[in-house]
Amino acid sequence: MRDLSLQIETSKTANKVWYASPDYRYGSSEELAFTQEGSTLTCTVPEMQYWGMLVIEYN
């Protein structure tokens, strides 16, 4: 799957979003662009075959 758009509800303001998967870039983490409007954070996962990990850093 490529370019998977995610919308995540959060009560905090995000500072950075990171993504890592053993199926993408040999497991190296990558900072993702994101937008946040109110409590909805939106980002796009570049590629995922089986599983991935999303890390959200908050202010």
PDB file of N, CA and C in Angstrom:
ATOM      1  N   MET A   1       0.846  -1.160   0.000  1.00  0.00           N
ATOM      2  CA  MET A   1       0.000   0.000   0.000  1.00  0.00           C
ATOM      3  C   MET A   1       0.900   1.234   0.000  1.00  0.00           C
ATOM      4  N   ARG A   2       0.564   2.208  -0.805  1.00  0.00           N
ATOM      5  CA  ARG A   2       1.347   3.447  -0.873  1.00  0.00           C
ATOM      6  C   ARG A   2       0.453   4.653  -0.641  1.00  0.00           C
ATOM      7  N   ASP A   3       1.066   5.678  -0.065  1.00  0.00           N
ATOM      8  CA  ASP A   3       0.390   6.954   0.163  1.00  0.00           C
ATOM      9  C   ASP A   3      -0.943   6.781   0.900  1.00  0.00           C
ATOM     10  N   LEU A   4      -0.859   6.137   2.054  1.00  0.00           N
ATOM     11  CA  LEU A   4      -2.018   5.888   2.904  1.00  0.00           C
ATOM     12  C   LEU A   4      -2.282   7.127   3.761  1.00  0.00           C
ATOM     13  N   SER A   5      -3.404   7.786   3.534  1.00  0.00           N
ATOM     14  CA  SER A   5      -3.750   8.987   4.279  1.00  0.00           C
ATOM     15  C   SER A   5      -4.398   8.598   5.606  1.00  0.00           C
ATOM     16  N   LEU A   6      -3.913   9.197   6.695  1.00  0.00           N
ATOM     17  CA  LEU A   6      -4.440   8.910   8.031  1.00  0.00           C
ATOM     18  C   LEU A   6      -4.962  10.177   8.674  1.00  0.00           C
ATOM     19  N   GLN A   7      -6.048  10.048   9.399  1.00  0.00           N
ATOM     20  CA  GLN A   7      -6.568  11.129  10.223  1.00  0.00           C
ATOM     21  C   GLN A   7      -6.631  10.598  11.647  1.00  0.00           C
ATOM     22  N   ILE A   8      -5.984  11.312  12.563  1.00  0.00           N
ATOM     23  CA  ILE A   8      -5.873  10.877  13.949  1.00  0.00           C
ATOM     24  C   ILE A   8      -6.442  11.965  14.849  1.00  0.00           C
ATOM     25  N   GLU A   9      -7.316  11.586  15.750  1.00  0.00           N
ATOM     26  CA  GLU A   9      -7.879  12.526  16.716  1.00  0.00           C
ATOM     27  C   GLU A   9      -6.938  12.629  17.914  1.00  0.00           C
ATOM     28  N   THR A  10      -6.614  13.854  18.311  1.00  0.00           N
ATOM     29  CA  THR A  10      -5.733  14.073  19.445  1.00  0.00           C
ATOM     30  C   THR A  10      -6.129  15.367  20.148  1.00  0.00           C
ATOM     31  N   SER A  11      -5.950  15.388  21.450  1.00  0.00           N
ATOM     32  CA  SER A  11      -6.288  16.592  22.215  1.00  0.00           C
ATOM     33  C   SER A  11      -5.072  17.506  22.395  1.00  0.00           C
ATOM     34  N   LYS A  12      -3.909  17.058  21.904  1.00  0.00           N
ATOM     35  CA  LYS A  12      -2.669  17.822  22.058  1.00  0.00           C
ATOM     36  C   LYS A  12      -2.221  18.379  20.708  1.00  0.00           C
ATOM     37  N   THR A  13      -1.334  19.377  20.753  1.00  0.00           N
ATOM     38  CA  THR A  13      -0.772  19.954  19.535  1.00  0.00           C
ATOM     39  C   THR A  13       0.517  19.217  19.174  1.00  0.00           C
ATOM     40  N   ALA A  14       0.571  18.666  17.959  1.00  0.00           N
ATOM     41  CA  ALA A  14       1.731  17.906  17.505  1.00  0.00           C
ATOM     42  C   ALA A  14       2.855  18.831  17.066  1.00  0.00           C
ATOM     43  N   ASN A  15       4.079  18.393  17.304  1.00  0.00           N
ATOM     44  CA  ASN A  15       5.271  19.118  16.891  1.00  0.00           C
ATOM     45  C   ASN A  15       5.921  18.425  15.694  1.00  0.00           C
ATOM     46  N   LYS A  16       6.019  17.093  15.750  1.00  0.00           N
ATOM     47  CA  LYS A  16       6.603  16.288  14.669  1.00  0.00           C
ATOM     48  C   LYS A  16       5.883  14.956  14.590  1.00  0.00           C
ATOM     49  N   VAL A  17       5.910  14.361  13.398  1.00  0.00           N
ATOM     50  CA  VAL A  17       5.362  13.022  13.179  1.00  0.00           C
ATOM     51  C   VAL A  17       6.439  12.202  12.471  1.00  0.00           C
ATOM     52  N   TRP A  18       6.717  11.019  12.998  1.00  0.00           N
ATOM     53  CA  TRP A  18       7.726  10.121  12.446  1.00  0.00           C
ATOM     54  C   TRP A  18       7.064   8.814  12.028  1.00  0.00           C
ATOM     55  N   TYR A  19       7.627   8.161  11.015  1.00  0.00           N
ATOM     56  CA  TYR A  19       7.132   6.868  10.560  1.00  0.00           C
ATOM     57  C   TYR A  19       8.322   5.932  10.360  1.00  0.00           C
ATOM     58  N   ALA A  20       8.131   4.674  10.752  1.00  0.00           N
ATOM     59  CA  ALA A  20       9.143   3.638  10.512  1.00  0.00           C
ATOM     60  C   ALA A  20       8.439   2.318  10.254  1.00  0.00           C
ATOM     61  N   SER A  21       9.020   1.508   9.387  1.00  0.00           N
ATOM     62  CA  SER A  21       8.503   0.179   9.082  1.00  0.00           C
ATOM     63  C   SER A  21       9.652  -0.683   8.585  1.00  0.00           C
ATOM     64  N   PRO A  22       9.680  -1.966   8.961  1.00  0.00           N
ATOM     65  CA  PRO A  22      10.740  -2.828   8.434  1.00  0.00           C
ATOM     66  C   PRO A  22      10.615  -3.027   6.922  1.00  0.00           C
ATOM     67  N   ASP A  23       9.454  -2.694   6.380  1.00  0.00           N
ATOM     68  CA  ASP A  23       9.207  -2.858   4.944  1.00  0.00           C
ATOM     69  C   ASP A  23       9.587  -1.627   4.132  1.00  0.00           C
ATOM     70  N   TYR A  24       9.985  -0.540   4.802  1.00  0.00           N
ATOM     71  CA  TYR A  24      10.240   0.729   4.114  1.00  0.00           C
ATOM     72  C   TYR A  24      11.568   1.305   4.583  1.00  0.00           C
ATOM     73  N   ARG A  25      12.455   1.581   3.660  1.00  0.00           N
ATOM     74  CA  ARG A  25      13.766   2.185   3.945  1.00  0.00           C
ATOM     75  C   ARG A  25      14.545   1.416   5.014  1.00  0.00           C
ATOM     76  N   TYR A  26      14.433   0.086   4.990  1.00  0.00           N
ATOM     77  CA  TYR A  26      15.166  -0.797   5.904  1.00  0.00           C
ATOM     78  C   TYR A  26      14.906  -0.464   7.375  1.00  0.00           C
ATOM     79  N   GLY A  27      13.727   0.049   7.676  1.00  0.00           N
ATOM     80  CA  GLY A  27      13.353   0.335   9.056  1.00  0.00           C
ATOM     81  C   GLY A  27      13.790   1.689   9.574  1.00  0.00           C
ATOM     82  N   SER A  28      14.462   2.484   8.745  1.00  0.00           N
ATOM     83  CA  SER A  28      14.891   3.821   9.178  1.00  0.00           C
ATOM     84  C   SER A  28      13.667   4.720   9.345  1.00  0.00           C
ATOM     85  N   SER A  29      13.683   5.524  10.394  1.00  0.00           N
ATOM     86  CA  SER A  29      12.554   6.426  10.610  1.00  0.00           C
ATOM     87  C   SER A  29      12.639   7.609   9.645  1.00  0.00           C
ATOM     88  N   GLU A  30      11.472   8.150   9.340  1.00  0.00           N
ATOM     89  CA  GLU A  30      11.391   9.286   8.435  1.00  0.00           C
ATOM     90  C   GLU A  30      10.372  10.279   8.998  1.00  0.00           C
ATOM     91  N   GLU A  31      10.743  11.538   9.025  1.00  0.00           N
ATOM     92  CA  GLU A  31       9.813  12.565   9.479  1.00  0.00           C
ATOM     93  C   GLU A  31       8.782  12.816   8.381  1.00  0.00           C
ATOM     94  N   LEU A  32       7.511  12.868   8.766  1.00  0.00           N
ATOM     95  CA  LEU A  32       6.434  13.071   7.809  1.00  0.00           C
ATOM     96  C   LEU A  32       5.875  14.482   7.915  1.00  0.00           C
ATOM     97  N   ALA A  33       5.463  15.009   6.792  1.00  0.00           N
ATOM     98  CA  ALA A  33       4.722  16.268   6.778  1.00  0.00           C
ATOM     99  C   ALA A  33       3.329  15.970   7.322  1.00  0.00           C
ATOM    100  N   PHE A  34       2.745  16.936   8.018  1.00  0.00           N
ATOM    101  CA  PHE A  34       1.407  16.734   8.563  1.00  0.00           C
ATOM    102  C   PHE A  34       0.708  18.075   8.687  1.00  0.00           C
ATOM    103  N   THR A  35      -0.605  18.023   8.832  1.00  0.00           N
ATOM    104  CA  THR A  35      -1.395  19.194   9.150  1.00  0.00           C
ATOM    105  C   THR A  35      -2.238  18.854  10.366  1.00  0.00           C
ATOM    106  N   GLN A  36      -2.590  19.887  11.116  1.00  0.00           N
ATOM    107  CA  GLN A  36      -3.461  19.682  12.264  1.00  0.00           C
ATOM    108  C   GLN A  36      -4.465  20.821  12.317  1.00  0.00           C
ATOM    109  N   GLU A  37      -5.718  20.454  12.207  1.00  0.00           N
ATOM    110  CA  GLU A  37      -6.805  21.416  12.307  1.00  0.00           C
ATOM    111  C   GLU A  37      -7.657  21.010  13.496  1.00  0.00           C
ATOM    112  N   GLY A  38      -7.630  21.837  14.528  1.00  0.00           N
ATOM    113  CA  GLY A  38      -8.347  21.487  15.752  1.00  0.00           C
ATOM    114  C   GLY A  38      -7.779  20.219  16.349  1.00  0.00           C
ATOM    115  N   SER A  39      -8.619  19.216  16.540  1.00  0.00           N
ATOM    116  CA  SER A  39      -8.169  17.962  17.144  1.00  0.00           C
ATOM    117  C   SER A  39      -7.848  16.888  16.109  1.00  0.00           C
ATOM    118  N   THR A  40      -7.858  17.242  14.820  1.00  0.00           N
ATOM    119  CA  THR A  40      -7.601  16.257  13.766  1.00  0.00           C
ATOM    120  C   THR A  40      -6.225  16.467  13.145  1.00  0.00           C
ATOM    121  N   LEU A  41      -5.370  15.472  13.289  1.00  0.00           N
ATOM    122  CA  LEU A  41      -4.042  15.462  12.686  1.00  0.00           C
ATOM    123  C   LEU A  41      -4.123  14.603  11.430  1.00  0.00           C
ATOM    124  N   THR A  42      -3.615  15.105  10.316  1.00  0.00           N
ATOM    125  CA  THR A  42      -3.640  14.376   9.051  1.00  0.00           C
ATOM    126  C   THR A  42      -2.214  14.218   8.535  1.00  0.00           C
ATOM    127  N   CYS A  43      -1.860  12.986   8.151  1.00  0.00           N
ATOM    128  CA  CYS A  43      -0.544  12.724   7.558  1.00  0.00           C
ATOM    129  C   CYS A  43      -0.689  11.595   6.547  1.00  0.00           C
ATOM    130  N   THR A  44       0.352  11.399   5.751  1.00  0.00           N
ATOM    131  CA  THR A  44       0.336  10.349   4.733  1.00  0.00           C
ATOM    132  C   THR A  44       1.516   9.417   4.955  1.00  0.00           C
ATOM    133  N   VAL A  45       1.221   8.138   5.132  1.00  0.00           N
ATOM    134  CA  VAL A  45       2.256   7.104   5.266  1.00  0.00           C
ATOM    135  C   VAL A  45       2.708   6.748   3.856  1.00  0.00           C
ATOM    136  N   PRO A  46       4.011   6.855   3.570  1.00  0.00           N
ATOM    137  CA  PRO A  46       4.484   6.665   2.193  1.00  0.00           C
ATOM    138  C   PRO A  46       4.323   5.240   1.662  1.00  0.00           C
ATOM    139  N   GLU A  47       4.561   4.239   2.508  1.00  0.00           N
ATOM    140  CA  GLU A  47       4.469   2.849   2.042  1.00  0.00           C
ATOM    141  C   GLU A  47       4.360   1.915   3.236  1.00  0.00           C
ATOM    142  N   MET A  48       3.487   0.903   3.110  1.00  0.00           N
ATOM    143  CA  MET A  48       3.368  -0.098   4.164  1.00  0.00           C
ATOM    144  C   MET A  48       2.925  -1.415   3.544  1.00  0.00           C
ATOM    145  N   GLN A  49       3.660  -2.485   3.862  1.00  0.00           N
ATOM    146  CA  GLN A  49       3.280  -3.803   3.367  1.00  0.00           C
ATOM    147  C   GLN A  49       2.569  -4.597   4.459  1.00  0.00           C
ATOM    148  N   TYR A  50       3.173  -4.670   5.648  1.00  0.00           N
ATOM    149  CA  TYR A  50       2.596  -5.472   6.725  1.00  0.00           C
ATOM    150  C   TYR A  50       2.260  -4.629   7.950  1.00  0.00           C
ATOM    151  N   TRP A  51       3.231  -3.884   8.439  1.00  0.00           N
ATOM    152  CA  TRP A  51       2.975  -3.031   9.602  1.00  0.00           C
ATOM    153  C   TRP A  51       3.960  -1.878   9.624  1.00  0.00           C
ATOM    154  N   GLY A  52       3.592  -0.842  10.356  1.00  0.00           N
ATOM    155  CA  GLY A  52       4.445   0.327  10.518  1.00  0.00           C
ATOM    156  C   GLY A  52       4.193   0.960  11.864  1.00  0.00           C
ATOM    157  N   MET A  53       5.058   1.868  12.258  1.00  0.00           N
ATOM    158  CA  MET A  53       4.936   2.556  13.539  1.00  0.00           C
ATOM    159  C   MET A  53       4.950   4.062  13.291  1.00  0.00           C
ATOM    160  N   LEU A  54       3.965   4.725  13.867  1.00  0.00           N
ATOM    161  CA  LEU A  54       3.855   6.163  13.769  1.00  0.00           C
ATOM    162  C   LEU A  54       4.134   6.742  15.145  1.00  0.00           C
ATOM    163  N   VAL A  55       5.035   7.718  15.212  1.00  0.00           N
ATOM    164  CA  VAL A  55       5.376   8.385  16.476  1.00  0.00           C
ATOM    165  C   VAL A  55       5.003   9.856  16.344  1.00  0.00           C
ATOM    166  N   ILE A  56       4.234  10.343  17.297  1.00  0.00           N
ATOM    167  CA  ILE A  56       3.837  11.741  17.303  1.00  0.00           C
ATOM    168  C   ILE A  56       4.504  12.427  18.484  1.00  0.00           C
ATOM    169  N   GLU A  57       5.298  13.468  18.203  1.00  0.00           N
ATOM    170  CA  GLU A  57       5.911  14.275  19.246  1.00  0.00           C
ATOM    171  C   GLU A  57       5.004  15.478  19.487  1.00  0.00           C
ATOM    172  N   TYR A  58       4.693  15.703  20.747  1.00  0.00           N
ATOM    173  CA  TYR A  58       3.808  16.820  21.094  1.00  0.00           C
ATOM    174  C   TYR A  58       4.610  17.980  21.682  1.00  0.00           C
ATOM    175  N   ASN A  59       4.059  19.189  21.569  1.00  0.00           N
ATOM    176  CA  ASN A  59       4.669  20.384  22.157  1.00  0.00           C
ATOM    177  C   ASN A  59       4.673  20.274  23.663  1.00  0.00           C
TER     178      ASN A  59
END
